[in-house]
Amino acid sequence: MSDDSPSTDRNPNEHPLLRLEALCARLRGDGGCPWDRAQTMRSLTPYILEEAYEVLDAVEAGADASLREEMGDLLFLLFLMLEIAREERRASVEDVVQQIVEKMIRRHPHVFAKTADISYDRAMIQWEEIKQDEGRKAHTSVLDEIGETMPALLLAFRIQQKAAAVGFDWPAAGPVVDKVEEETRELREAFASGDRERARAELGDLIFACVNLCRFLDADPERLLRSTVRKFRERFRHIEETLAGQGRGPKDATLEEMDRLWEESKRLDSPR
């Protein structure tokens, strides 16, 4: 085994994260797993995204066993990526941990330097101010720090948070509700005009305004929409199960029948 080969002789009784690091090195080392050895930074990214969403599903489900498993899956993939970075001499676990620890301490002076007790909003603003003072990234805009690859709903939420952190924000929730109503009127006007391209643009503006309202309600739009989708699935399943009990399916029922079963499902969901 060459000097560049991953070391696998670490003490298994060491810290659990060191054991995970050793596991990834073993999987990618000589005699390791063909799949793990074939992975690259780029090839792992879809798996990391998938596992991150499975962690979110486990959080929403409130199942501790599932949460432990999904967090473990995500952590494994991150450590596998770290092993690739180590092999390519781009970074080590120690480098990554040291950098994030230093950054978190630097950006939380109210905790570690005991400068002052501050509010949630002030903590967000302070965070952005410190990032700008660090000057380590040649961004021309505070919004440049946000990647374009995240889901659009989350991207809109993060962009609005960044703008708000430097003072570009609505003063209260009321004007945001007014903005939602304004965008709804403009969408109606676009539909009435028959201009589908304009209607699409106005619909995008309406969605963006609704995401802004989520911020003022302290609601994560991704989680909120997932909850609504989950509710829709449960109510539609009630329609399917009821019709199946009659030897039928949705295609065999009228829209009026399905609407009635939908309302029935809503009543069953309502608290007594």
C-alpha atoms as a PDB file:
ATOM      1  CA  MET A   1       0.000   0.000   0.000  1.00  0.00           C
ATOM      2  CA  SER A   2       1.462   3.387  -1.018  1.00  0.00           C
ATOM      3  CA  ASP A   3       1.910   6.373   1.298  1.00  0.00           C
ATOM      4  CA  ASP A   4      -1.066   8.008  -0.440  1.00  0.00           C
ATOM      5  CA  SER A   5      -3.426   5.151   0.401  1.00  0.00           C
ATOM      6  CA  PRO A   6      -6.039   5.774   3.103  1.00  0.00           C
ATOM      7  CA  SER A   7      -5.020   4.563   6.525  1.00  0.00           C
ATOM      8  CA  THR A   8      -7.337   1.974   8.031  1.00  0.00           C
ATOM      9  CA  ASP A   9      -5.458   1.066  11.218  1.00  0.00           C
ATOM     10  CA  ARG A  10      -7.182   3.556  13.508  1.00  0.00           C
ATOM     11  CA  ASN A  11      -8.226   2.406  16.967  1.00  0.00           C
ATOM     12  CA  PRO A  12     -11.910   1.340  16.755  1.00  0.00           C
ATOM     13  CA  ASN A  13     -12.375   2.447  20.361  1.00  0.00           C
ATOM     14  CA  GLU A  14     -11.663   6.058  19.451  1.00  0.00           C
ATOM     15  CA  HIS A  15     -14.329   8.715  19.022  1.00  0.00           C
ATOM     16  CA  PRO A  16     -17.300   7.475  16.905  1.00  0.00           C
ATOM     17  CA  LEU A  17     -16.581  10.041  14.185  1.00  0.00           C
ATOM     18  CA  LEU A  18     -13.019   8.720  13.902  1.00  0.00           C
ATOM     19  CA  ARG A  19     -14.467   5.233  13.475  1.00  0.00           C
ATOM     20  CA  LEU A  20     -16.692   6.546  10.685  1.00  0.00           C
ATOM     21  CA  GLU A  21     -13.687   8.228   9.082  1.00  0.00           C
ATOM     22  CA  ALA A  22     -11.775   4.928   9.240  1.00  0.00           C
ATOM     23  CA  LEU A  23     -14.754   3.071   7.754  1.00  0.00           C
ATOM     24  CA  CYS A  24     -14.879   5.397   4.742  1.00  0.00           C
ATOM     25  CA  ALA A  25     -11.134   5.060   4.248  1.00  0.00           C
ATOM     26  CA  ARG A  26     -11.477   1.266   4.344  1.00  0.00           C
ATOM     27  CA  LEU A  27     -14.334   1.261   1.828  1.00  0.00           C
ATOM     28  CA  ARG A  28     -12.309   3.347  -0.611  1.00  0.00           C
ATOM     29  CA  GLY A  29      -8.982   1.650   0.046  1.00  0.00           C
ATOM     30  CA  ASP A  30      -7.372  -1.343  -1.637  1.00  0.00           C
ATOM     31  CA  GLY A  31      -9.784  -4.257  -1.423  1.00  0.00           C
ATOM     32  CA  GLY A  32     -12.649  -1.934  -0.568  1.00  0.00           C
ATOM     33  CA  CYS A  33     -16.074  -1.642  -2.170  1.00  0.00           C
ATOM     34  CA  PRO A  34     -16.176  -1.032  -5.950  1.00  0.00           C
ATOM     35  CA  TRP A  35     -19.120   1.372  -5.598  1.00  0.00           C
ATOM     36  CA  ASP A  36     -17.487   3.465  -2.886  1.00  0.00           C
ATOM     37  CA  ARG A  37     -14.152   3.503  -4.734  1.00  0.00           C
ATOM     38  CA  ALA A  38     -15.880   4.740  -7.914  1.00  0.00           C
ATOM     39  CA  GLN A  39     -17.515   7.751  -6.281  1.00  0.00           C
ATOM     40  CA  THR A  40     -16.445  11.351  -6.854  1.00  0.00           C
ATOM     41  CA  MET A  41     -17.470  14.647  -5.292  1.00  0.00           C
ATOM     42  CA  ARG A  42     -19.893  15.215  -8.152  1.00  0.00           C
ATOM     43  CA  SER A  43     -21.355  11.700  -8.199  1.00  0.00           C
ATOM     44  CA  LEU A  44     -22.183  11.874  -4.472  1.00  0.00           C
ATOM     45  CA  THR A  45     -24.147  15.120  -4.624  1.00  0.00           C
ATOM     46  CA  PRO A  46     -27.522  13.629  -5.713  1.00  0.00           C
ATOM     47  CA  TYR A  47     -27.276  11.004  -2.955  1.00  0.00           C
ATOM     48  CA  ILE A  48     -26.516  13.692  -0.357  1.00  0.00           C
ATOM     49  CA  LEU A  49     -29.516  15.726  -1.509  1.00  0.00           C
ATOM     50  CA  GLU A  50     -31.748  12.646  -1.392  1.00  0.00           C
ATOM     51  CA  GLU A  51     -30.603  11.712   2.109  1.00  0.00           C
ATOM     52  CA  ALA A  52     -31.071  15.303   3.321  1.00  0.00           C
ATOM     53  CA  TYR A  53     -34.712  15.136   2.237  1.00  0.00           C
ATOM     54  CA  GLU A  54     -35.116  11.784   3.962  1.00  0.00           C
ATOM     55  CA  VAL A  55     -33.842  13.394   7.165  1.00  0.00           C
ATOM     56  CA  LEU A  56     -36.541  16.050   6.741  1.00  0.00           C
ATOM     57  CA  ASP A  57     -39.181  13.352   6.246  1.00  0.00           C
ATOM     58  CA  ALA A  58     -38.033  11.622   9.442  1.00  0.00           C
ATOM     59  CA  VAL A  59     -38.188  14.922  11.361  1.00  0.00           C
ATOM     60  CA  GLU A  60     -41.739  15.515  10.141  1.00  0.00           C
ATOM     61  CA  ALA A  61     -42.770  11.949  10.971  1.00  0.00           C
ATOM     62  CA  GLY A  62     -41.404  12.293  14.513  1.00  0.00           C
ATOM     63  CA  ALA A  63     -39.975   8.760  14.415  1.00  0.00           C
ATOM     64  CA  ASP A  64     -36.756   8.683  16.447  1.00  0.00           C
ATOM     65  CA  ALA A  65     -35.506   5.374  15.054  1.00  0.00           C
ATOM     66  CA  SER A  66     -35.992   6.578  11.493  1.00  0.00           C
ATOM     67  CA  LEU A  67     -34.358   9.914  12.315  1.00  0.00           C
ATOM     68  CA  ARG A  68     -31.270   8.202  13.718  1.00  0.00           C
ATOM     69  CA  GLU A  69     -30.985   6.031  10.622  1.00  0.00           C
ATOM     70  CA  GLU A  70     -31.447   8.879   8.143  1.00  0.00           C
ATOM     71  CA  MET A  71     -29.016  11.188   9.963  1.00  0.00           C
ATOM     72  CA  GLY A  72     -26.522   8.336   9.922  1.00  0.00           C
ATOM     73  CA  ASP A  73     -26.972   7.838   6.175  1.00  0.00           C
ATOM     74  CA  LEU A  74     -26.389  11.541   5.547  1.00  0.00           C
ATOM     75  CA  LEU A  75     -23.381  11.647   7.859  1.00  0.00           C
ATOM     76  CA  PHE A  76     -21.858   8.631   6.100  1.00  0.00           C
ATOM     77  CA  LEU A  77     -22.112  10.322   2.702  1.00  0.00           C
ATOM     78  CA  LEU A  78     -20.546  13.513   4.043  1.00  0.00           C
ATOM     79  CA  PHE A  79     -17.655  11.556   5.512  1.00  0.00           C
ATOM     80  CA  LEU A  80     -17.269   9.659   2.255  1.00  0.00           C
ATOM     81  CA  MET A  81     -16.984  13.017   0.513  1.00  0.00           C
ATOM     82  CA  LEU A  82     -14.447  14.107   3.119  1.00  0.00           C
ATOM     83  CA  GLU A  83     -12.410  10.971   2.420  1.00  0.00           C
ATOM     84  CA  ILE A  84     -12.369  11.837  -1.276  1.00  0.00           C
ATOM     85  CA  ALA A  85     -11.248  15.378  -0.390  1.00  0.00           C
ATOM     86  CA  ARG A  86      -8.463  13.913   1.762  1.00  0.00           C
ATOM     87  CA  GLU A  87      -7.304  11.597  -1.015  1.00  0.00           C
ATOM     88  CA  GLU A  88      -7.218  14.511  -3.450  1.00  0.00           C
ATOM     89  CA  ARG A  89      -5.315  16.589  -0.871  1.00  0.00           C
ATOM     90  CA  ARG A  90      -8.065  19.214  -0.922  1.00  0.00           C
ATOM     91  CA  ALA A  91      -9.093  19.011   2.745  1.00  0.00           C
ATOM     92  CA  SER A  92      -9.124  16.747   5.789  1.00  0.00           C
ATOM     93  CA  VAL A  93     -11.724  16.167   8.477  1.00  0.00           C
ATOM     94  CA  GLU A  94      -9.530  18.196  10.800  1.00  0.00           C
ATOM     95  CA  ASP A  95      -9.396  21.078   8.308  1.00  0.00           C
ATOM     96  CA  VAL A  96     -13.161  21.141   7.876  1.00  0.00           C
ATOM     97  CA  VAL A  97     -13.941  20.891  11.594  1.00  0.00           C
ATOM     98  CA  GLN A  98     -11.360  23.504  12.559  1.00  0.00           C
ATOM     99  CA  GLN A  99     -12.657  25.942   9.958  1.00  0.00           C
ATOM    100  CA  ILE A 100     -16.312  25.619  10.945  1.00  0.00           C
ATOM    101  CA  VAL A 101     -15.539  25.864  14.674  1.00  0.00           C
ATOM    102  CA  GLU A 102     -13.492  29.030  14.161  1.00  0.00           C
ATOM    103  CA  LYS A 103     -16.202  30.528  11.948  1.00  0.00           C
ATOM    104  CA  MET A 104     -19.001  29.781  14.396  1.00  0.00           C
ATOM    105  CA  ILE A 105     -17.061  31.297  17.299  1.00  0.00           C
ATOM    106  CA  ARG A 106     -16.227  34.365  15.207  1.00  0.00           C
ATOM    107  CA  ARG A 107     -19.839  34.873  14.163  1.00  0.00           C
ATOM    108  CA  HIS A 108     -21.272  34.450  17.676  1.00  0.00           C
ATOM    109  CA  PRO A 109     -19.459  37.166  19.675  1.00  0.00           C
ATOM    110  CA  HIS A 110     -22.553  37.596  21.859  1.00  0.00           C
ATOM    111  CA  VAL A 111     -22.011  33.992  23.021  1.00  0.00           C
ATOM    112  CA  PHE A 112     -18.247  33.550  23.115  1.00  0.00           C
ATOM    113  CA  ALA A 113     -17.013  37.115  23.630  1.00  0.00           C
ATOM    114  CA  LYS A 114     -19.970  37.964  25.871  1.00  0.00           C
ATOM    115  CA  THR A 115     -20.389  41.310  24.105  1.00  0.00           C
ATOM    116  CA  ALA A 116     -24.093  41.639  24.899  1.00  0.00           C
ATOM    117  CA  ASP A 117     -27.377  39.792  25.020  1.00  0.00           C
ATOM    118  CA  ILE A 118     -29.124  40.314  21.696  1.00  0.00           C
ATOM    119  CA  SER A 119     -32.450  39.453  20.076  1.00  0.00           C
ATOM    120  CA  TYR A 120     -33.087  36.884  17.370  1.00  0.00           C
ATOM    121  CA  ASP A 121     -33.401  39.592  14.683  1.00  0.00           C
ATOM    122  CA  ARG A 122     -30.245  41.360  15.844  1.00  0.00           C
ATOM    123  CA  ALA A 123     -28.353  38.046  15.795  1.00  0.00           C
ATOM    124  CA  MET A 124     -29.264  37.588  12.112  1.00  0.00           C
ATOM    125  CA  ILE A 125     -28.168  41.126  11.238  1.00  0.00           C
ATOM    126  CA  GLN A 126     -24.936  40.724  13.205  1.00  0.00           C
ATOM    127  CA  TRP A 127     -24.227  37.482  11.334  1.00  0.00           C
ATOM    128  CA  GLU A 128     -24.472  39.260   7.982  1.00  0.00           C
ATOM    129  CA  GLU A 129     -22.363  42.178   9.178  1.00  0.00           C
ATOM    130  CA  ILE A 130     -19.589  39.858  10.333  1.00  0.00           C
ATOM    131  CA  LYS A 131     -19.678  37.952   7.046  1.00  0.00           C
ATOM    132  CA  GLN A 132     -19.275  41.205   5.142  1.00  0.00           C
ATOM    133  CA  ASP A 133     -16.413  42.333   7.394  1.00  0.00           C
ATOM    134  CA  GLU A 134     -14.593  39.041   6.885  1.00  0.00           C
ATOM    135  CA  GLY A 135     -14.174  39.970   3.232  1.00  0.00           C
ATOM    136  CA  ARG A 136     -13.073  36.468   2.282  1.00  0.00           C
ATOM    137  CA  LYS A 137     -15.477  36.144  -0.627  1.00  0.00           C
ATOM    138  CA  ALA A 138     -15.422  38.461  -3.616  1.00  0.00           C
ATOM    139  CA  HIS A 139     -19.190  38.836  -3.866  1.00  0.00           C
ATOM    140  CA  THR A 140     -20.644  41.981  -5.371  1.00  0.00           C
ATOM    141  CA  SER A 141     -23.977  41.319  -3.637  1.00  0.00           C
ATOM    142  CA  VAL A 142     -25.004  39.705  -0.361  1.00  0.00           C
ATOM    143  CA  LEU A 143     -27.335  37.560  -2.473  1.00  0.00           C
ATOM    144  CA  ASP A 144     -24.412  36.060  -4.425  1.00  0.00           C
ATOM    145  CA  GLU A 145     -23.619  33.820  -1.453  1.00  0.00           C
ATOM    146  CA  ILE A 146     -26.787  31.813  -2.064  1.00  0.00           C
ATOM    147  CA  GLY A 147     -26.408  29.055  -4.647  1.00  0.00           C
ATOM    148  CA  GLU A 148     -28.895  28.615  -7.457  1.00  0.00           C
ATOM    149  CA  THR A 149     -29.145  24.825  -7.117  1.00  0.00           C
ATOM    150  CA  MET A 150     -31.402  24.643  -4.056  1.00  0.00           C
ATOM    151  CA  PRO A 151     -35.178  24.129  -4.544  1.00  0.00           C
ATOM    152  CA  ALA A 152     -36.831  27.323  -5.792  1.00  0.00           C
ATOM    153  CA  LEU A 153     -39.128  27.675  -2.778  1.00  0.00           C
ATOM    154  CA  LEU A 154     -36.210  27.481  -0.371  1.00  0.00           C
ATOM    155  CA  LEU A 155     -34.126  29.722  -2.635  1.00  0.00           C
ATOM    156  CA  ALA A 156     -36.797  32.441  -2.492  1.00  0.00           C
ATOM    157  CA  PHE A 157     -36.969  32.135   1.301  1.00  0.00           C
ATOM    158  CA  ARG A 158     -33.179  32.414   1.724  1.00  0.00           C
ATOM    159  CA  ILE A 159     -32.926  35.337  -0.705  1.00  0.00           C
ATOM    160  CA  GLN A 160     -35.592  37.219   1.262  1.00  0.00           C
ATOM    161  CA  GLN A 161     -33.839  36.447   4.540  1.00  0.00           C
ATOM    162  CA  LYS A 162     -30.560  37.827   3.171  1.00  0.00           C
ATOM    163  CA  ALA A 163     -32.208  41.027   1.951  1.00  0.00           C
ATOM    164  CA  ALA A 164     -34.046  41.462   5.259  1.00  0.00           C
ATOM    165  CA  ALA A 165     -30.818  41.001   7.225  1.00  0.00           C
ATOM    166  CA  VAL A 166     -29.398  44.180   5.654  1.00  0.00           C
ATOM    167  CA  GLY A 167     -32.590  46.184   6.192  1.00  0.00           C
ATOM    168  CA  PHE A 168     -34.504  45.617   2.937  1.00  0.00           C
ATOM    169  CA  ASP A 169     -37.724  44.278   4.408  1.00  0.00           C
ATOM    170  CA  TRP A 170     -41.371  44.989   5.088  1.00  0.00           C
ATOM    171  CA  PRO A 171     -42.042  46.707   8.432  1.00  0.00           C
ATOM    172  CA  ALA A 172     -44.735  44.202   9.465  1.00  0.00           C
ATOM    173  CA  ALA A 173     -46.879  41.331   8.211  1.00  0.00           C
ATOM    174  CA  GLY A 174     -49.843  43.551   7.255  1.00  0.00           C
ATOM    175  CA  PRO A 175     -48.194  45.109   4.190  1.00  0.00           C
ATOM    176  CA  VAL A 176     -47.049  41.662   3.076  1.00  0.00           C
ATOM    177  CA  VAL A 177     -50.657  40.438   3.135  1.00  0.00           C
ATOM    178  CA  ASP A 178     -51.557  43.517   1.086  1.00  0.00           C
ATOM    179  CA  LYS A 179     -48.815  42.564  -1.383  1.00  0.00           C
ATOM    180  CA  VAL A 180     -50.233  39.044  -1.694  1.00  0.00           C
ATOM    181  CA  GLU A 181     -53.654  40.545  -2.444  1.00  0.00           C
ATOM    182  CA  GLU A 182     -52.105  42.948  -4.973  1.00  0.00           C
ATOM    183  CA  GLU A 183     -50.323  40.112  -6.779  1.00  0.00           C
ATOM    184  CA  THR A 184     -53.567  38.090  -6.760  1.00  0.00           C
ATOM    185  CA  ARG A 185     -55.403  40.974  -8.454  1.00  0.00           C
ATOM    186  CA  GLU A 186     -52.657  41.289 -11.060  1.00  0.00           C
ATOM    187  CA  LEU A 187     -52.843  37.557 -11.720  1.00  0.00           C
ATOM    188  CA  ARG A 188     -56.618  37.802 -12.242  1.00  0.00           C
ATOM    189  CA  GLU A 189     -56.110  40.709 -14.654  1.00  0.00           C
ATOM    190  CA  ALA A 190     -53.510  38.733 -16.595  1.00  0.00           C
ATOM    191  CA  PHE A 191     -55.859  35.762 -16.890  1.00  0.00           C
ATOM    192  CA  ALA A 192     -58.688  38.034 -18.012  1.00  0.00           C
ATOM    193  CA  SER A 193     -56.456  39.513 -20.716  1.00  0.00           C
ATOM    194  CA  GLY A 194     -55.690  36.062 -22.112  1.00  0.00           C
ATOM    195  CA  ASP A 195     -51.943  36.743 -21.896  1.00  0.00           C
ATOM    196  CA  ARG A 196     -50.613  33.434 -20.590  1.00  0.00           C
ATOM    197  CA  GLU A 197     -46.997  34.591 -20.458  1.00  0.00           C
ATOM    198  CA  ARG A 198     -47.946  37.551 -18.295  1.00  0.00           C
ATOM    199  CA  ALA A 199     -50.138  35.275 -16.150  1.00  0.00           C
ATOM    200  CA  ARG A 200     -47.148  32.969 -15.529  1.00  0.00           C
ATOM    201  CA  ALA A 201     -45.017  35.940 -14.509  1.00  0.00           C
ATOM    202  CA  GLU A 202     -47.703  37.226 -12.154  1.00  0.00           C
ATOM    203  CA  LEU A 203     -48.127  33.747 -10.665  1.00  0.00           C
ATOM    204  CA  GLY A 204     -44.395  33.676  -9.927  1.00  0.00           C
ATOM    205  CA  ASP A 205     -44.699  37.075  -8.215  1.00  0.00           C
ATOM    206  CA  LEU A 206     -47.621  35.767  -6.147  1.00  0.00           C
ATOM    207  CA  ILE A 207     -45.662  32.697  -5.027  1.00  0.00           C
ATOM    208  CA  PHE A 208     -42.714  34.920  -4.094  1.00  0.00           C
ATOM    209  CA  ALA A 209     -45.005  37.176  -2.042  1.00  0.00           C
ATOM    210  CA  CYS A 210     -46.503  34.156  -0.271  1.00  0.00           C
ATOM    211  CA  VAL A 211     -42.999  32.944   0.615  1.00  0.00           C
ATOM    212  CA  ASN A 212     -42.318  36.391   2.083  1.00  0.00           C
ATOM    213  CA  LEU A 213     -45.442  36.054   4.208  1.00  0.00           C
ATOM    214  CA  CYS A 214     -44.120  32.719   5.493  1.00  0.00           C
ATOM    215  CA  ARG A 215     -41.159  34.580   7.007  1.00  0.00           C
ATOM    216  CA  PHE A 216     -43.466  36.871   8.957  1.00  0.00           C
ATOM    217  CA  LEU A 217     -45.398  33.861  10.230  1.00  0.00           C
ATOM    218  CA  ASP A 218     -42.127  32.147  11.281  1.00  0.00           C
ATOM    219  CA  ALA A 219     -43.025  29.321   8.910  1.00  0.00           C
ATOM    220  CA  ASP A 220     -40.597  27.403   6.727  1.00  0.00           C
ATOM    221  CA  PRO A 221     -42.267  27.411   3.271  1.00  0.00           C
ATOM    222  CA  GLU A 222     -40.805  24.017   2.355  1.00  0.00           C
ATOM    223  CA  ARG A 223     -42.165  22.454   5.533  1.00  0.00           C
ATOM    224  CA  LEU A 224     -45.465  24.287   5.199  1.00  0.00           C
ATOM    225  CA  LEU A 225     -46.017  23.118   1.634  1.00  0.00           C
ATOM    226  CA  ARG A 226     -44.945  19.575   2.503  1.00  0.00           C
ATOM    227  CA  SER A 227     -47.532  19.562   5.288  1.00  0.00           C
ATOM    228  CA  THR A 228     -50.205  20.703   2.854  1.00  0.00           C
ATOM    229  CA  VAL A 229     -49.172  18.081   0.290  1.00  0.00           C
ATOM    230  CA  ARG A 230     -49.293  15.420   2.999  1.00  0.00           C
ATOM    231  CA  LYS A 231     -52.786  16.571   3.955  1.00  0.00           C
ATOM    232  CA  PHE A 232     -53.882  16.431   0.311  1.00  0.00           C
ATOM    233  CA  ARG A 233     -52.538  12.891  -0.045  1.00  0.00           C
ATOM    234  CA  GLU A 234     -54.381  11.727   3.072  1.00  0.00           C
ATOM    235  CA  ARG A 235     -57.675  13.243   1.908  1.00  0.00           C
ATOM    236  CA  PHE A 236     -57.314  11.860  -1.601  1.00  0.00           C
ATOM    237  CA  ARG A 237     -56.500   8.465  -0.114  1.00  0.00           C
ATOM    238  CA  HIS A 238     -59.814   8.676   1.791  1.00  0.00           C
ATOM    239  CA  ILE A 239     -61.557   9.139  -1.550  1.00  0.00           C
ATOM    240  CA  GLU A 240     -59.759   6.145  -3.055  1.00  0.00           C
ATOM    241  CA  GLU A 241     -60.367   3.883  -0.058  1.00  0.00           C
ATOM    242  CA  THR A 242     -64.055   4.773   0.170  1.00  0.00           C
ATOM    243  CA  LEU A 243     -64.587   4.156  -3.526  1.00  0.00           C
ATOM    244  CA  ALA A 244     -62.574   0.918  -3.344  1.00  0.00           C
ATOM    245  CA  GLY A 245     -64.973  -0.271  -0.659  1.00  0.00           C
ATOM    246  CA  GLN A 246     -67.708   0.165  -3.246  1.00  0.00           C
ATOM    247  CA  GLY A 247     -65.750  -1.754  -5.851  1.00  0.00           C
ATOM    248  CA  ARG A 248     -64.897   1.412  -7.768  1.00  0.00           C
ATOM    249  CA  GLY A 249     -62.006   3.802  -8.384  1.00  0.00           C
ATOM    250  CA  PRO A 250     -61.737   7.570  -8.909  1.00  0.00           C
ATOM    251  CA  LYS A 251     -62.167   7.167 -12.671  1.00  0.00           C
ATOM    252  CA  ASP A 252     -65.532   5.520 -12.013  1.00  0.00           C
ATOM    253  CA  ALA A 253     -66.835   8.360  -9.826  1.00  0.00           C
ATOM    254  CA  THR A 254     -68.167  11.778 -10.699  1.00  0.00           C
ATOM    255  CA  LEU A 255     -66.427  14.951  -9.613  1.00  0.00           C
ATOM    256  CA  GLU A 256     -69.395  15.703  -7.345  1.00  0.00           C
ATOM    257  CA  GLU A 257     -68.985  12.343  -5.583  1.00  0.00           C
ATOM    258  CA  MET A 258     -65.284  12.921  -5.048  1.00  0.00           C
ATOM    259  CA  ASP A 259     -65.919  16.459  -3.778  1.00  0.00           C
ATOM    260  CA  ARG A 260     -68.385  15.052  -1.260  1.00  0.00           C
ATOM    261  CA  LEU A 261     -65.848  12.484  -0.039  1.00  0.00           C
ATOM    262  CA  TRP A 262     -63.192  15.228   0.109  1.00  0.00           C
ATOM    263  CA  GLU A 263     -65.392  17.315   2.406  1.00  0.00           C
ATOM    264  CA  GLU A 264     -66.105  14.189   4.452  1.00  0.00           C
ATOM    265  CA  SER A 265     -62.364  13.665   4.892  1.00  0.00           C
ATOM    266  CA  LYS A 266     -61.967  17.283   6.009  1.00  0.00           C
ATOM    267  CA  ARG A 267     -64.629  16.780   8.674  1.00  0.00           C
ATOM    268  CA  LEU A 268     -62.853  13.645   9.883  1.00  0.00           C
ATOM    269  CA  ASP A 269     -59.626  15.642  10.168  1.00  0.00           C
ATOM    270  CA  SER A 270     -61.232  18.448  12.143  1.00  0.00           C
ATOM    271  CA  PRO A 271     -60.673  18.410  15.919  1.00  0.00           C
ATOM    272  CA  ARG A 272     -63.742  17.457  17.928  1.00  0.00           C
END
